[in-house]
Protein backbone atom coordinates (compact mmCIF):
# COMPACT_ATOMS: atom_id res chain seq x y z
CA UNK A 1 0.00 0.00 0.00
CA UNK A 2 1.34 3.47 -0.86
CA UNK A 3 -0.11 4.90 2.38
CA UNK A 4 -1.92 3.97 5.56
CA UNK A 5 -5.67 3.56 5.65
CA UNK A 6 -7.31 5.51 7.07
CA UNK A 7 -4.67 8.21 6.49
CA UNK A 8 -6.08 10.19 9.45
CA UNK A 9 -7.91 9.31 12.65
CA UNK A 10 -11.50 8.82 11.56
CA UNK A 11 -14.78 8.83 13.44
CA UNK A 12 -16.58 5.49 13.50
CA UNK A 13 -19.97 7.05 14.29
CA UNK A 14 -22.04 10.18 13.97
CA UNK A 15 -21.61 12.06 17.21
CA UNK A 16 -19.31 14.52 18.96
CA UNK A 17 -15.51 14.70 19.17
CA UNK A 18 -14.46 15.45 22.74
CA UNK A 19 -11.56 15.39 25.18
CA UNK A 20 -12.08 12.38 27.43
CA UNK A 21 -10.43 14.21 30.34
CA UNK A 22 -13.39 16.60 30.36
CA UNK A 23 -15.84 13.82 31.24
CA UNK A 24 -19.52 14.05 30.49
CA UNK A 25 -21.98 16.83 31.13
CA UNK A 26 -22.60 20.16 29.44
CA UNK A 27 -20.50 20.95 26.33
CA UNK A 28 -20.34 23.87 23.92
CA UNK A 29 -20.50 22.85 20.25
CA UNK A 30 -17.56 24.62 18.59
CA UNK A 31 -18.23 23.57 15.01
CA UNK A 32 -19.08 20.76 12.61
CA UNK A 33 -16.68 18.28 11.02
CA UNK A 34 -17.86 16.53 7.85
CA UNK A 35 -16.23 13.79 5.81
CA UNK A 36 -13.93 15.28 3.18
CA UNK A 37 -12.72 18.19 5.33
CA UNK A 38 -9.18 18.57 6.68
CA UNK A 39 -8.10 17.86 10.26
CA UNK A 40 -8.87 20.71 12.71
CA UNK A 41 -5.50 21.55 14.27
CA UNK A 42 -6.57 24.14 16.87
CA UNK A 43 -6.69 23.15 20.53
CA UNK A 44 -9.93 23.61 22.49
CA UNK A 45 -11.11 23.58 26.08
CA UNK A 46 -12.31 20.35 27.69
CA UNK A 47 -15.86 21.72 27.97
CA UNK A 48 -16.02 22.11 24.18
CA UNK A 49 -16.75 19.59 21.42
CA UNK A 50 -17.17 19.27 17.68
CA UNK A 51 -20.16 17.68 15.98
CA UNK A 52 -18.75 15.02 13.65
CA UNK A 53 -19.98 12.69 10.93
CA UNK A 54 -19.04 9.06 10.35
CA UNK A 55 -15.73 8.83 8.47
CA UNK A 56 -14.78 12.45 9.15
CA UNK A 57 -11.26 13.29 10.45
CA UNK A 58 -11.09 13.62 14.24
CA UNK A 59 -9.78 17.03 15.43
CA UNK A 60 -6.11 16.86 16.45
CA UNK A 61 -6.74 17.46 20.17
CA UNK A 62 -9.87 15.28 20.55
CA UNK A 63 -9.35 11.72 21.76
CA UNK A 64 -12.87 10.25 21.90
CA UNK A 65 -16.14 10.19 19.99
CA UNK A 66 -19.49 10.15 21.79
CA UNK A 67 -22.28 8.77 19.62
CA UNK A 68 -25.39 10.90 19.06
CA UNK A 69 -27.52 8.41 20.99
CA UNK A 70 -25.57 9.25 24.18
CA UNK A 71 -26.19 12.99 23.97
CA UNK A 72 -29.00 15.51 24.40
CA UNK A 73 -29.34 18.88 22.71
CA UNK A 74 -29.75 21.65 25.32
CA UNK A 75 -29.77 24.80 23.21
CA UNK A 76 -29.98 25.71 19.53
CA UNK A 77 -28.68 28.83 17.80
CA UNK A 78 -30.82 29.06 14.69
CA UNK A 79 -30.39 25.69 12.99
CA UNK A 80 -27.06 25.03 14.70
CA UNK A 81 -26.55 23.22 17.98
CA UNK A 82 -24.96 25.48 20.59
CA UNK A 83 -24.98 23.44 23.81
CA UNK A 84 -25.36 19.69 24.32
CA UNK A 85 -25.17 17.33 27.26
CA UNK A 86 -22.95 14.23 27.20
CA UNK A 87 -24.88 11.47 29.00
CA UNK A 88 -21.96 9.04 29.39
CA UNK A 89 -18.34 9.18 30.53
CA UNK A 90 -16.22 9.22 27.36
CA UNK A 91 -13.12 7.05 27.28
CA UNK A 92 -9.92 7.68 25.35
CA UNK A 93 -10.05 6.24 21.77
CA UNK A 94 -13.78 5.52 21.93
CA UNK A 95 -15.18 5.06 18.37
CA UNK A 96 -12.00 6.28 16.63
CA UNK A 97 -10.32 4.43 13.77
CA UNK A 98 -6.62 5.03 14.27
CA UNK A 99 -4.28 5.83 11.38
CA UNK A 100 -3.43 2.60 9.57
CA UNK A 101 -5.83 0.40 11.54
CA UNK A 102 -7.17 -1.04 8.27
CA UNK A 103 -4.01 -1.00 6.17
CA UNK A 104 -0.47 0.07 7.07
CA UNK A 105 1.74 1.92 4.60
CA UNK A 106 3.90 -0.65 2.81
CA UNK A 107 1.62 -3.54 3.79
CA UNK A 108 1.09 -6.27 1.19
CA UNK A 109 -2.49 -6.09 -0.07
CA UNK A 110 -2.77 -9.24 -2.23
CA UNK A 111 -0.92 -11.11 -4.96
CA UNK A 112 -1.21 -9.06 -8.15
CA UNK A 113 -2.47 -11.89 -10.33
CA UNK A 114 -5.88 -12.39 -11.90
CA UNK A 115 -8.63 -13.16 -11.25
CA UNK A 116 -9.36 -9.88 -9.50
CA UNK A 117 -12.53 -10.37 -7.50
CA UNK A 118 -14.69 -7.46 -6.32
CA UNK A 119 -12.96 -7.47 -2.92
CA UNK A 120 -9.49 -7.11 -4.49
CA UNK A 121 -10.70 -4.34 -6.79
CA UNK A 122 -12.17 -2.50 -3.80
CA UNK A 123 -9.04 -2.90 -1.62
CA UNK A 124 -6.84 -1.59 -4.43
CA UNK A 125 -9.16 1.36 -5.06
CA UNK A 126 -9.21 2.25 -1.36
CA UNK A 127 -5.49 3.09 -1.55
CA UNK A 128 -5.66 4.75 -4.96
CA UNK A 129 -4.61 1.79 -7.11
CA UNK A 130 -6.36 0.37 -10.17
CA UNK A 131 -6.01 -3.33 -10.99
CA UNK A 132 -5.27 -4.08 -14.65
CA UNK A 133 -8.20 -5.39 -16.68
CA UNK A 134 -8.35 -9.16 -16.78
CA UNK A 135 -7.27 -10.85 -20.00
CA UNK A 136 -10.36 -12.83 -20.86
CA UNK A 137 -10.13 -16.28 -22.37
CA UNK A 138 -12.08 -16.31 -25.61
CA UNK A 139 -14.36 -19.34 -25.68
CA UNK A 140 -16.35 -20.81 -28.55
CA UNK A 141 -19.35 -23.09 -28.10
CA UNK A 142 -20.29 -25.62 -30.78
CA UNK A 143 -23.31 -27.91 -30.67
CA UNK A 144 -23.37 -30.75 -33.19
CA UNK A 145 -26.38 -32.35 -34.83
CA UNK A 146 -28.49 -32.16 -37.99
CA UNK A 147 -31.55 -32.22 -35.75
CA UNK A 148 -30.67 -29.06 -33.80
CA UNK A 149 -32.46 -25.73 -34.22
CA UNK A 150 -31.85 -22.53 -32.27
CA UNK A 151 -34.41 -21.87 -29.54
CA UNK A 152 -36.08 -19.04 -31.46
CA UNK A 153 -36.27 -21.04 -34.70
CA UNK A 154 -38.99 -23.23 -36.23
CA UNK A 155 -38.97 -27.00 -35.95
CA UNK A 156 -39.47 -29.36 -38.87
CA UNK A 157 -40.05 -33.08 -38.55
CA UNK A 158 -37.45 -34.89 -36.47
CA UNK A 159 -35.82 -31.69 -35.20
CA UNK A 160 -35.32 -30.49 -31.63
CA UNK A 161 -34.26 -27.21 -30.08
CA UNK A 162 -30.62 -26.81 -29.09
CA UNK A 163 -30.50 -26.52 -25.29
CA UNK A 164 -26.78 -27.14 -24.80
CA UNK A 165 -25.57 -23.89 -26.34
CA UNK A 166 -27.72 -21.55 -24.22
CA UNK A 167 -27.01 -23.66 -21.12
CA UNK A 168 -23.24 -23.58 -21.61
CA UNK A 169 -23.28 -19.88 -22.50
CA UNK A 170 -25.20 -19.06 -19.33
CA UNK A 171 -22.93 -21.23 -17.16
CA UNK A 172 -19.80 -19.64 -18.59
CA UNK A 173 -21.16 -16.15 -18.05
CA UNK A 174 -22.19 -16.98 -14.48
CA UNK A 175 -18.65 -18.15 -13.75
CA UNK A 176 -17.15 -15.01 -15.29
CA UNK A 177 -15.94 -16.28 -18.67
CA UNK A 178 -16.21 -14.71 -22.09
CA UNK A 179 -18.20 -16.48 -24.82
CA UNK A 180 -16.84 -15.19 -28.12
CA UNK A 181 -18.91 -17.25 -30.55
CA UNK A 182 -21.55 -19.98 -30.82
CA UNK A 183 -22.42 -22.29 -33.68
CA UNK A 184 -24.41 -25.38 -34.60
CA UNK A 185 -22.40 -27.82 -36.74
CA UNK A 186 -23.95 -30.36 -39.08
CA UNK A 187 -23.30 -34.07 -38.58
CA UNK A 188 -20.67 -34.27 -41.34
CA UNK A 189 -16.89 -34.39 -41.17
CA UNK A 190 -16.52 -31.26 -43.30
CA UNK A 191 -19.28 -29.39 -41.46
CA UNK A 192 -17.73 -30.05 -38.07
CA UNK A 193 -14.19 -29.37 -39.30
CA UNK A 194 -15.25 -26.03 -40.73
CA UNK A 195 -17.01 -25.02 -37.49
CA UNK A 196 -13.99 -26.00 -35.38
CA UNK A 197 -11.54 -24.13 -37.65
CA UNK A 198 -13.67 -20.99 -37.52
CA UNK A 199 -13.86 -21.22 -33.72
CA UNK A 200 -10.10 -21.74 -33.36
CA UNK A 201 -9.39 -18.70 -35.52
CA UNK A 202 -10.67 -16.39 -32.81
CA UNK A 203 -10.77 -18.44 -29.60
CA UNK A 204 -8.33 -20.22 -27.31
CA UNK A 205 -10.92 -22.68 -26.05
CA UNK A 206 -13.60 -24.64 -27.91
CA UNK A 207 -16.36 -26.40 -25.99
CA UNK A 208 -18.22 -28.78 -28.26
CA UNK A 209 -21.21 -30.90 -27.27
CA UNK A 210 -22.10 -34.05 -29.17
CA UNK A 211 -20.23 -36.06 -31.78
CA UNK A 212 -17.85 -37.75 -29.30
CA UNK A 213 -19.43 -41.18 -28.97
CA UNK A 214 -19.17 -44.25 -31.23
CA UNK A 215 -21.87 -43.51 -33.83
CA UNK A 216 -21.29 -43.26 -37.56
CA UNK A 217 -21.91 -39.51 -37.36
CA UNK A 218 -19.65 -38.84 -34.40
CA UNK A 219 -16.77 -37.03 -36.11
CA UNK A 220 -15.15 -35.10 -33.27
CA UNK A 221 -12.12 -37.37 -32.76
CA UNK A 222 -11.44 -37.76 -36.48
CA UNK A 223 -11.66 -33.98 -36.98
CA UNK A 224 -9.27 -33.40 -34.08
CA UNK A 225 -6.77 -35.84 -35.60
CA UNK A 226 -7.11 -34.14 -38.98
CA UNK A 227 -6.32 -30.78 -37.31
CA UNK A 228 -3.26 -32.31 -35.55
CA UNK A 229 -4.66 -32.06 -32.05
CA UNK A 230 -3.18 -34.22 -29.31
CA UNK A 231 -6.14 -36.12 -27.82
CA UNK A 232 -5.26 -36.44 -24.15
CA UNK A 233 -8.27 -38.62 -23.36
CA UNK A 234 -11.44 -39.76 -25.13
CA UNK A 235 -13.23 -41.67 -22.38
CA UNK A 236 -13.78 -41.13 -18.66
CA UNK A 237 -14.95 -43.64 -16.09
CA UNK A 238 -17.97 -41.73 -14.85
CA UNK A 239 -21.74 -41.56 -15.29
CA UNK A 240 -22.98 -39.45 -16.94
CA UNK A 241 -20.19 -38.32 -19.27
CA UNK A 242 -18.33 -41.42 -20.45
CA UNK A 243 -17.47 -40.10 -23.98
CA UNK A 244 -15.91 -36.86 -22.62
CA UNK A 245 -12.89 -35.88 -24.75
CA UNK A 246 -10.06 -33.41 -24.19
CA UNK A 247 -7.47 -32.36 -26.78
CA UNK A 248 -4.65 -29.81 -27.04
CA UNK A 249 -2.80 -28.13 -29.89
CA UNK A 250 -0.21 -25.48 -29.06
CA UNK A 251 -2.14 -22.96 -26.92
CA UNK A 252 -5.56 -24.15 -28.09
CA UNK A 253 -7.80 -26.38 -25.96
CA UNK A 254 -10.74 -28.50 -27.09
CA UNK A 255 -13.36 -29.96 -24.78
CA UNK A 256 -15.64 -32.56 -26.38
CA UNK A 257 -18.68 -33.02 -24.16
CA UNK A 258 -21.38 -35.68 -24.57
CA UNK A 259 -24.45 -34.45 -26.41
CA UNK A 260 -27.05 -35.39 -23.81
CA UNK A 261 -27.81 -32.17 -21.92
CA UNK A 262 -27.34 -33.55 -18.40
CA UNK A 263 -24.02 -35.13 -19.41
CA UNK A 264 -22.97 -31.75 -20.81
CA UNK A 265 -23.96 -30.05 -17.55
CA UNK A 266 -22.16 -32.55 -15.30
CA UNK A 267 -18.93 -32.76 -17.30
CA UNK A 268 -18.79 -28.97 -17.57
CA UNK A 269 -18.89 -28.54 -13.78
CA UNK A 270 -16.55 -31.39 -12.92
CA UNK A 271 -14.00 -31.30 -15.76
CA UNK A 272 -14.24 -28.13 -17.87
CA UNK A 273 -14.70 -25.48 -15.19
CA UNK A 274 -11.61 -26.48 -13.15
CA UNK A 275 -9.45 -26.27 -16.28
CA UNK A 276 -10.83 -22.86 -17.25
CA UNK A 277 -10.23 -21.57 -13.74
CA UNK A 278 -6.67 -22.88 -13.84
CA UNK A 279 -6.12 -21.04 -17.13
CA UNK A 280 -7.41 -17.90 -15.40
CA UNK A 281 -4.79 -18.24 -12.62
CA UNK A 282 -7.13 -19.42 -9.89
CA UNK A 283 -5.31 -20.98 -6.93
CA UNK A 284 -5.18 -24.76 -7.38
CA UNK A 285 -7.36 -25.35 -4.32
CA UNK A 286 -10.12 -23.13 -5.75
CA UNK A 287 -10.29 -24.51 -9.29
CA UNK A 288 -12.78 -27.22 -8.38
CA UNK A 289 -16.21 -26.50 -6.95
CA UNK A 290 -16.43 -27.03 -3.17
CA UNK A 291 -17.38 -30.46 -1.85
CA UNK A 292 -19.40 -31.12 1.31
CA UNK A 293 -20.63 -34.22 3.13
CA UNK A 294 -24.32 -35.11 3.01
CA UNK A 295 -26.51 -38.04 4.01
CA UNK A 296 -28.67 -39.84 1.49
CA UNK A 297 -32.38 -39.15 1.98
CA UNK A 298 -33.59 -41.70 -0.58
CA UNK A 299 -34.46 -45.09 0.86
CA UNK A 300 -32.28 -47.03 -1.59
CA UNK A 301 -30.16 -46.39 -4.70
CA UNK A 302 -28.83 -49.02 -7.07
CA UNK A 303 -25.16 -48.65 -7.91
CA UNK A 304 -23.72 -48.53 -11.44
CA UNK A 305 -20.47 -50.15 -12.61
CA UNK A 306 -19.14 -46.60 -13.01
CA UNK A 307 -18.91 -43.89 -10.34
CA UNK A 308 -22.06 -41.80 -10.77
CA UNK A 309 -22.81 -38.13 -10.17
CA UNK A 310 -26.50 -37.73 -9.38
CA UNK A 311 -28.38 -34.48 -9.22
CA UNK A 312 -29.88 -33.91 -5.78
CA UNK A 313 -31.59 -31.28 -3.67
CA UNK A 314 -30.35 -30.62 -0.14
CA UNK A 315 -32.32 -30.19 3.06
CA UNK A 316 -31.13 -29.34 6.55
CA UNK A 317 -32.78 -31.73 9.02
CA UNK A 318 -31.95 -31.47 12.72
CA UNK A 319 -28.70 -29.71 11.90
CA UNK A 320 -27.57 -32.29 9.31
CA UNK A 321 -27.50 -31.97 5.51
CA UNK A 322 -29.53 -34.58 3.64
CA UNK A 323 -29.58 -35.00 -0.16
CA UNK A 324 -32.49 -36.35 -2.18
CA UNK A 325 -32.09 -37.36 -5.83
CA UNK A 326 -34.14 -35.18 -8.21
CA UNK A 327 -36.17 -37.91 -9.87
CA UNK A 328 -35.21 -39.92 -12.94
CA UNK A 329 -31.46 -39.51 -13.59
CA UNK A 330 -31.45 -40.37 -17.30
CA UNK A 331 -28.91 -38.11 -19.02
CA UNK A 332 -31.45 -36.56 -21.41
CA UNK A 333 -33.76 -35.34 -18.62
CA UNK A 334 -32.94 -31.65 -18.25
CA UNK A 335 -35.62 -31.14 -15.62
CA UNK A 336 -33.49 -33.07 -13.12
CA UNK A 337 -31.17 -30.03 -13.06
CA UNK A 338 -33.73 -27.44 -11.99
CA UNK A 339 -33.92 -28.41 -8.32
CA UNK A 340 -30.36 -29.74 -8.13
CA UNK A 341 -28.31 -28.10 -5.39
CA UNK A 342 -25.47 -30.60 -5.57
CA UNK A 343 -24.00 -33.50 -7.50
CA UNK A 344 -23.78 -36.41 -5.07
CA UNK A 345 -20.83 -38.75 -5.64
CA UNK A 346 -22.23 -42.28 -5.85
CA UNK A 347 -19.62 -45.07 -5.57
CA UNK A 348 -19.33 -47.72 -8.25
CA UNK A 349 -20.84 -51.17 -7.79
CA UNK A 350 -18.48 -53.90 -6.64
CA UNK A 351 -18.68 -57.48 -5.44
CA UNK A 352 -19.44 -56.37 -1.89
CA UNK A 353 -22.05 -53.72 -2.60
CA UNK A 354 -24.74 -53.28 -5.26
CA UNK A 355 -26.81 -50.54 -3.59
CA UNK A 356 -26.70 -47.90 -0.86
CA UNK A 357 -29.37 -47.09 1.72
CA UNK A 358 -30.85 -44.03 3.38
CA UNK A 359 -28.37 -42.38 5.74
CA UNK A 360 -25.26 -43.28 3.72
CA UNK A 361 -22.69 -40.48 4.01
CA UNK A 362 -21.58 -39.15 0.61
CA UNK A 363 -19.49 -36.40 -0.91
CA UNK A 364 -21.45 -33.76 -2.81
CA UNK A 365 -20.21 -31.07 -5.20
CA UNK A 366 -22.04 -27.80 -4.61
CA UNK A 367 -23.83 -26.32 -7.62
CA UNK A 368 -25.74 -23.54 -5.86
CA UNK A 369 -24.69 -21.34 -2.96
CA UNK A 370 -28.27 -20.96 -1.70
CA UNK A 371 -28.90 -24.69 -1.51
CA UNK A 372 -30.05 -25.13 2.09
CA UNK A 373 -33.82 -25.25 2.45
CA UNK A 374 -35.82 -24.34 5.53
CA UNK A 375 -34.78 -26.44 8.54
CA UNK A 376 -37.23 -29.22 9.28
């Protein structure tokens, strides 16, 4: 910090600046001190005081502030207070912020690396500094499928509205990222290749949904190979999200998400978001969403051969957090996301266990900060 904060002794409350040695009782009001004025240097008698506003500089020879609530006006002179009565015994340093009590000159404020949250911006501004604008990562979103139509379009036979693009765009914006472009690519090699090339021309990151599975129109991996991307992985052992793909070329990053909307949602939160945060210089421990412990409210859940991430709502019951699965968990059922507060981590089935019962303690990734319902 280039200087101490506050740079002068400041009043914590609206009230009167006094000398504590003068005690309480009758005081003459010598003047008013407002925020933004300089420090009054002149000495004054112990039976005098200055009316003062919150944040205003305390007169040099005053050593206590008496809040308005502990005073009584005795006499007015026009619209100005002339005499007041102090109803308490003031003590030295009462309601005064000392010089540097918030920040000392030369004190380290924070590491000057993005991301700059609102708190960091405010701390810097309070000592006259301006943080540099963040360098935003340009992100492109591609949805694949001949059947897809933008939400404001008109459907023909066999077509559906594209929900992945608006969902991903909203998620990225909510987490503070910049969506540079969006596109719907046809289910052809050339159509997808063209869409990816256009996205890479102006973006560092491409998030593509669909086209990563094993169908005869799933061209993502072949397009990535054609464009000389290094495919780091093309399968993950999780449900939903098995076909999730990640590839790198120079300083370009490609995320291939499954086309089913819930799979897109889950893999974005668990795999894409941490990487984007890492690229934005988040501390390692803050790249992933926070995880809490919850108890299962459902009576019984069958386990899958893969670890599963189920959408669940959370309730606080007798001081404990309980999670209840939001209905059918099929990966096409978008409605399961609406009431989802968390993703509960369901263990994979093994020879010893094929299901879990009510009360089982589980990890849960938080999706919403306002997830706790009314205590029951």
